[in-house]
């Protein structure tokens, strides 16, 4: 039977699908919030955290902690996670926007001091956050009313300017990464079911195997293989949650045999895909 033909998706194809240029939402976390591994988005993400609680963040496996209110900026395609270190719940707002916004409105929307950074945690007092609230409130209202695009863009441009001004002037710059590395990440996320091996990707991006290996590790602090494995596991978890058949998940993750996919998933998570899906169902029931 053709599983591709009978499976019907229940939620968007990737973690968050932005139909418009950008979106905004409020997230109320549960007590003891834990993110199940690192994941990547296809969009820029700005988080506004109003709760001064201890949180551990990771970027490509590198961990750091915060315990104050903050604004957190993340570039697309970067592996990341955030987990609370307390049983307190907290509320955060997310502003998400597509890379095409900067491409099409680069003269208006500018990242300022955030340019070139993959992730940046910006200390922000409650007064700083409340000063930005009028812009966020207008963005929420505009999102609900489906106003013309140029109004969205003007609000986002103002928000990016204000956030950039909060970035400490003495914050050390990140090491420059070759521009093709993020393009490669973009390609990997969009072509997760294809051959993403070092030789194939080196040929596609017109660099030697050794240069690609060196450049990727210097920029991301993990190997290309580790990055591809992480996004495959992350994508597989979404599909498992949706109820997609296991053979189809294996195929979409680039595995010719179910057994190879199961071996990879168990190595990375400590559970088989079936065990992981049952555990998520158990948690949803509150067992």
Protein backbone atom coordinates (compact mmCIF):
# COMPACT_ATOMS: atom_id res chain seq x y z
CA UNK A 1 0.00 0.00 0.00
CA UNK A 2 1.22 3.52 -0.79
CA UNK A 3 1.62 5.15 2.62
CA UNK A 4 2.37 8.47 0.94
CA UNK A 5 -1.12 8.47 -0.54
CA UNK A 6 -3.08 7.70 2.64
CA UNK A 7 -1.23 9.79 5.22
CA UNK A 8 -2.86 13.14 5.98
CA UNK A 9 -0.82 15.73 7.89
CA UNK A 10 -2.38 17.12 11.05
CA UNK A 11 -0.10 20.11 11.62
CA UNK A 12 2.19 22.19 9.37
CA UNK A 13 5.04 20.46 7.56
CA UNK A 14 7.82 22.06 9.59
CA UNK A 15 7.93 23.23 13.20
CA UNK A 16 6.10 26.49 12.54
CA UNK A 17 4.84 27.36 9.08
CA UNK A 18 4.52 31.11 8.58
CA UNK A 19 1.93 31.77 5.89
CA UNK A 20 2.37 35.53 6.04
CA UNK A 21 5.60 37.49 6.31
CA UNK A 22 5.71 37.11 10.05
CA UNK A 23 3.68 36.13 13.08
CA UNK A 24 3.50 36.76 16.79
CA UNK A 25 2.25 34.56 19.58
CA UNK A 26 2.17 34.23 23.35
CA UNK A 27 3.47 30.98 24.83
CA UNK A 28 2.58 29.88 28.36
CA UNK A 29 5.03 27.15 29.34
CA UNK A 30 4.19 24.33 31.69
CA UNK A 31 6.00 23.99 35.06
CA UNK A 32 9.43 22.48 34.59
CA UNK A 33 9.45 23.20 30.84
CA UNK A 34 11.87 20.96 28.94
CA UNK A 35 12.51 21.00 25.21
CA UNK A 36 13.09 17.53 23.77
CA UNK A 37 16.45 18.09 22.08
CA UNK A 38 17.64 20.81 19.76
CA UNK A 39 15.71 21.87 16.69
CA UNK A 40 15.95 24.46 13.92
CA UNK A 41 13.50 26.91 12.33
CA UNK A 42 13.25 28.28 8.81
CA UNK A 43 12.65 31.78 10.14
CA UNK A 44 14.12 34.44 12.40
CA UNK A 45 12.89 34.25 15.98
CA UNK A 46 12.82 36.92 18.71
CA UNK A 47 11.73 35.90 22.21
CA UNK A 48 10.67 38.31 24.94
CA UNK A 49 10.95 36.71 28.38
CA UNK A 50 9.27 38.61 31.20
CA UNK A 51 10.14 36.07 33.93
CA UNK A 52 13.42 36.20 35.87
CA UNK A 53 13.86 32.46 36.28
CA UNK A 54 16.90 30.25 35.57
CA UNK A 55 16.89 28.89 32.01
CA UNK A 56 19.53 26.88 30.14
CA UNK A 57 19.93 27.59 26.44
CA UNK A 58 21.95 25.65 23.88
CA UNK A 59 23.24 26.62 20.44
CA UNK A 60 24.62 23.72 18.40
CA UNK A 61 25.29 21.86 21.65
CA UNK A 62 26.99 24.75 23.46
CA UNK A 63 25.16 25.60 26.69
CA UNK A 64 24.78 28.83 28.63
CA UNK A 65 22.37 29.97 31.34
CA UNK A 66 20.30 33.05 32.15
CA UNK A 67 18.28 34.05 35.21
CA UNK A 68 17.01 37.52 34.32
CA UNK A 69 14.45 39.01 31.96
CA UNK A 70 15.81 39.19 28.43
CA UNK A 71 15.27 39.41 24.68
CA UNK A 72 16.64 36.46 22.71
CA UNK A 73 17.42 36.71 18.98
CA UNK A 74 17.92 33.62 16.81
CA UNK A 75 18.84 33.36 13.15
CA UNK A 76 17.24 30.73 10.86
CA UNK A 77 18.52 27.13 10.56
CA UNK A 78 20.51 27.22 13.83
CA UNK A 79 20.13 24.25 16.19
CA UNK A 80 18.92 25.46 19.58
CA UNK A 81 16.91 24.65 22.67
CA UNK A 82 15.80 26.29 25.93
CA UNK A 83 14.94 24.49 29.18
CA UNK A 84 13.90 25.89 32.54
CA UNK A 85 15.95 24.94 35.59
CA UNK A 86 13.02 25.41 37.95
CA UNK A 87 9.46 24.14 38.28
CA UNK A 88 8.07 27.64 37.76
CA UNK A 89 6.07 28.23 34.56
CA UNK A 90 6.78 31.34 32.54
CA UNK A 91 5.31 33.38 29.72
CA UNK A 92 7.19 34.50 26.64
CA UNK A 93 6.24 36.25 23.43
CA UNK A 94 7.59 35.17 20.07
CA UNK A 95 8.00 37.32 16.98
CA UNK A 96 8.80 35.25 13.89
CA UNK A 97 9.65 36.52 10.42
CA UNK A 98 10.88 35.04 7.20
CA UNK A 99 14.35 35.71 5.77
CA UNK A 100 12.59 37.11 2.70
CA UNK A 101 11.56 40.12 4.79
CA UNK A 102 15.17 41.27 5.04
CA UNK A 103 15.83 40.34 1.42
CA UNK A 104 12.91 42.38 0.09
CA UNK A 105 12.91 45.20 2.62
CA UNK A 106 16.62 45.47 3.42
CA UNK A 107 16.50 49.23 3.13
CA UNK A 108 13.85 49.38 5.85
CA UNK A 109 14.33 46.30 8.03
CA UNK A 110 17.87 46.10 9.32
CA UNK A 111 19.34 43.82 11.99
CA UNK A 112 21.83 46.45 13.12
CA UNK A 113 24.12 45.07 15.83
CA UNK A 114 22.44 41.67 15.47
CA UNK A 115 23.75 41.29 11.93
CA UNK A 116 25.99 38.25 11.50
CA UNK A 117 24.97 36.70 14.81
CA UNK A 118 23.36 33.27 15.05
CA UNK A 119 21.97 33.74 18.56
CA UNK A 120 22.18 36.69 20.92
CA UNK A 121 20.76 36.95 24.44
CA UNK A 122 20.21 40.64 25.19
CA UNK A 123 19.84 41.68 28.85
CA UNK A 124 16.61 43.67 29.12
CA UNK A 125 15.06 45.13 32.23
CA UNK A 126 11.32 45.11 32.79
CA UNK A 127 11.41 48.82 31.91
CA UNK A 128 13.07 47.97 28.58
CA UNK A 129 10.43 45.34 27.86
CA UNK A 130 7.56 47.66 28.79
CA UNK A 131 9.02 50.35 26.52
CA UNK A 132 8.71 47.89 23.62
CA UNK A 133 5.20 46.80 24.60
CA UNK A 134 3.38 49.48 22.50
CA UNK A 135 5.11 48.18 19.36
CA UNK A 136 4.32 44.57 20.27
CA UNK A 137 0.71 45.49 21.06
CA UNK A 138 0.29 47.15 17.65
CA UNK A 139 1.87 44.11 15.98
CA UNK A 140 -0.58 41.82 17.77
CA UNK A 141 -3.49 44.01 16.70
CA UNK A 142 -2.22 44.23 13.12
CA UNK A 143 -1.78 40.47 12.92
CA UNK A 144 -5.38 39.89 13.99
CA UNK A 145 -6.78 42.47 11.56
CA UNK A 146 -4.71 41.42 8.52
CA UNK A 147 -3.53 44.97 7.77
CA UNK A 148 -1.53 45.83 4.62
CA UNK A 149 1.96 44.39 4.46
CA UNK A 150 3.75 47.75 4.56
CA UNK A 151 2.25 48.41 8.00
CA UNK A 152 3.70 45.14 9.28
CA UNK A 153 7.07 46.02 7.82
CA UNK A 154 7.17 49.44 9.46
CA UNK A 155 6.37 47.92 12.86
CA UNK A 156 9.00 45.21 12.47
CA UNK A 157 11.59 47.75 11.34
CA UNK A 158 10.95 49.83 14.44
CA UNK A 159 11.12 46.79 16.70
CA UNK A 160 14.42 45.61 15.19
CA UNK A 161 15.91 49.08 15.62
CA UNK A 162 14.92 49.26 19.28
CA UNK A 163 16.24 45.76 20.00
CA UNK A 164 19.51 46.46 18.20
CA UNK A 165 20.02 49.53 20.37
CA UNK A 166 19.80 47.33 23.48
CA UNK A 167 22.69 45.12 22.31
CA UNK A 168 25.74 46.11 24.42
CA UNK A 169 28.17 48.08 22.27
CA UNK A 170 31.10 46.14 23.74
CA UNK A 171 29.60 42.71 22.98
CA UNK A 172 32.38 40.75 21.23
CA UNK A 173 31.57 39.97 17.59
CA UNK A 174 31.05 36.38 16.63
CA UNK A 175 33.72 34.76 14.53
CA UNK A 176 33.03 35.36 10.85
CA UNK A 177 31.61 32.30 9.12
CA UNK A 178 31.73 31.81 5.35
CA UNK A 179 28.38 32.87 3.88
CA UNK A 180 27.86 29.51 2.21
CA UNK A 181 27.64 27.71 5.59
CA UNK A 182 24.21 29.13 6.41
CA UNK A 183 23.14 28.54 2.80
CA UNK A 184 24.22 24.93 3.29
CA UNK A 185 22.16 24.70 6.50
CA UNK A 186 19.18 26.11 4.62
CA UNK A 187 19.64 23.50 1.91
CA UNK A 188 19.93 20.67 4.44
CA UNK A 189 16.72 21.67 6.23
CA UNK A 190 14.82 21.90 2.94
CA UNK A 191 16.24 18.65 1.49
CA UNK A 192 16.33 16.45 4.59
CA UNK A 193 15.43 13.31 2.64
CA UNK A 194 18.32 13.58 0.19
CA UNK A 195 22.00 12.61 0.36
CA UNK A 196 23.58 15.24 2.62
CA UNK A 197 26.96 13.56 3.03
CA UNK A 198 30.20 15.51 3.12
CA UNK A 199 31.25 14.56 -0.43
CA UNK A 200 27.86 15.44 -1.93
CA UNK A 201 27.62 18.78 -0.15
CA UNK A 202 31.21 19.72 -0.94
CA UNK A 203 30.52 19.14 -4.62
CA UNK A 204 27.26 21.10 -4.49
CA UNK A 205 28.83 24.12 -2.81
CA UNK A 206 32.04 24.01 -4.88
CA UNK A 207 34.49 23.53 -2.03
CA UNK A 208 36.82 20.72 -1.09
CA UNK A 209 35.75 18.10 1.41
CA UNK A 210 38.41 19.22 3.89
CA UNK A 211 37.49 22.92 3.59
CA UNK A 212 33.78 22.22 4.09
CA UNK A 213 34.52 20.05 7.09
CA UNK A 214 36.78 22.71 8.61
CA UNK A 215 34.50 25.68 7.82
CA UNK A 216 31.37 23.99 9.13
CA UNK A 217 32.95 22.88 12.38
CA UNK A 218 34.51 26.32 12.96
CA UNK A 219 31.14 28.04 12.43
CA UNK A 220 28.74 25.59 14.08
CA UNK A 221 31.06 23.84 16.58
CA UNK A 222 29.69 20.50 15.40
CA UNK A 223 30.31 18.44 12.30
CA UNK A 224 28.07 18.49 9.24
CA UNK A 225 27.09 14.89 10.01
CA UNK A 226 26.05 15.85 13.56
CA UNK A 227 23.99 18.78 12.23
CA UNK A 228 22.20 16.66 9.63
CA UNK A 229 21.52 13.93 12.20
CA UNK A 230 20.07 16.46 14.65
CA UNK A 231 17.65 17.99 12.17
CA UNK A 232 16.60 14.54 10.95
CA UNK A 233 15.82 13.48 14.52
CA UNK A 234 14.01 16.77 15.16
CA UNK A 235 11.95 16.42 11.98
CA UNK A 236 11.22 12.75 12.73
CA UNK A 237 9.85 13.68 16.17
CA UNK A 238 7.42 16.11 14.58
CA UNK A 239 6.22 13.47 12.14
CA UNK A 240 5.96 10.87 14.90
CA UNK A 241 3.80 13.29 16.89
CA UNK A 242 1.61 13.82 13.83
CA UNK A 243 1.05 10.08 13.50
CA UNK A 244 2.90 9.57 10.22
CA UNK A 245 3.69 5.89 9.44
CA UNK A 246 7.23 4.85 10.38
CA UNK A 247 8.26 3.64 6.88
CA UNK A 248 7.30 7.01 5.44
CA UNK A 249 9.24 8.88 8.14
CA UNK A 250 12.33 6.79 7.40
CA UNK A 251 11.96 7.55 3.69
CA UNK A 252 11.47 11.28 4.26
CA UNK A 253 14.55 11.35 6.50
CA UNK A 254 16.69 9.87 3.72
CA UNK A 255 16.92 6.23 4.82
CA UNK A 256 16.44 3.39 2.33
CA UNK A 257 15.75 0.92 5.17
CA UNK A 258 13.57 1.30 8.23
CA UNK A 259 16.18 -0.53 10.31
CA UNK A 260 18.86 2.07 9.56
CA UNK A 261 16.53 4.88 10.60
CA UNK A 262 15.52 3.08 13.80
CA UNK A 263 19.19 2.48 14.67
CA UNK A 264 20.01 6.17 14.17
CA UNK A 265 16.99 7.35 16.19
CA UNK A 266 17.72 4.99 19.10
CA UNK A 267 21.39 5.98 19.13
CA UNK A 268 20.47 9.67 19.39
CA UNK A 269 17.50 9.47 21.78
CA UNK A 270 17.91 6.22 23.70
CA UNK A 271 14.52 5.02 22.42
CA UNK A 272 13.16 3.48 19.25
CA UNK A 273 10.75 5.70 17.26
CA UNK A 274 7.84 3.54 18.47
CA UNK A 275 8.92 3.85 22.10
CA UNK A 276 9.34 7.62 21.73
CA UNK A 277 5.88 8.00 20.17
CA UNK A 278 4.26 5.94 22.96
CA UNK A 279 6.06 8.01 25.59
CA UNK A 280 4.73 11.23 24.06
CA UNK A 281 1.21 9.79 24.00
CA UNK A 282 1.60 8.75 27.65
CA UNK A 283 2.66 12.27 28.61
CA UNK A 284 -0.23 13.80 26.69
CA UNK A 285 -2.65 11.59 28.65
CA UNK A 286 -0.93 12.55 31.90
CA UNK A 287 -0.24 8.94 32.88
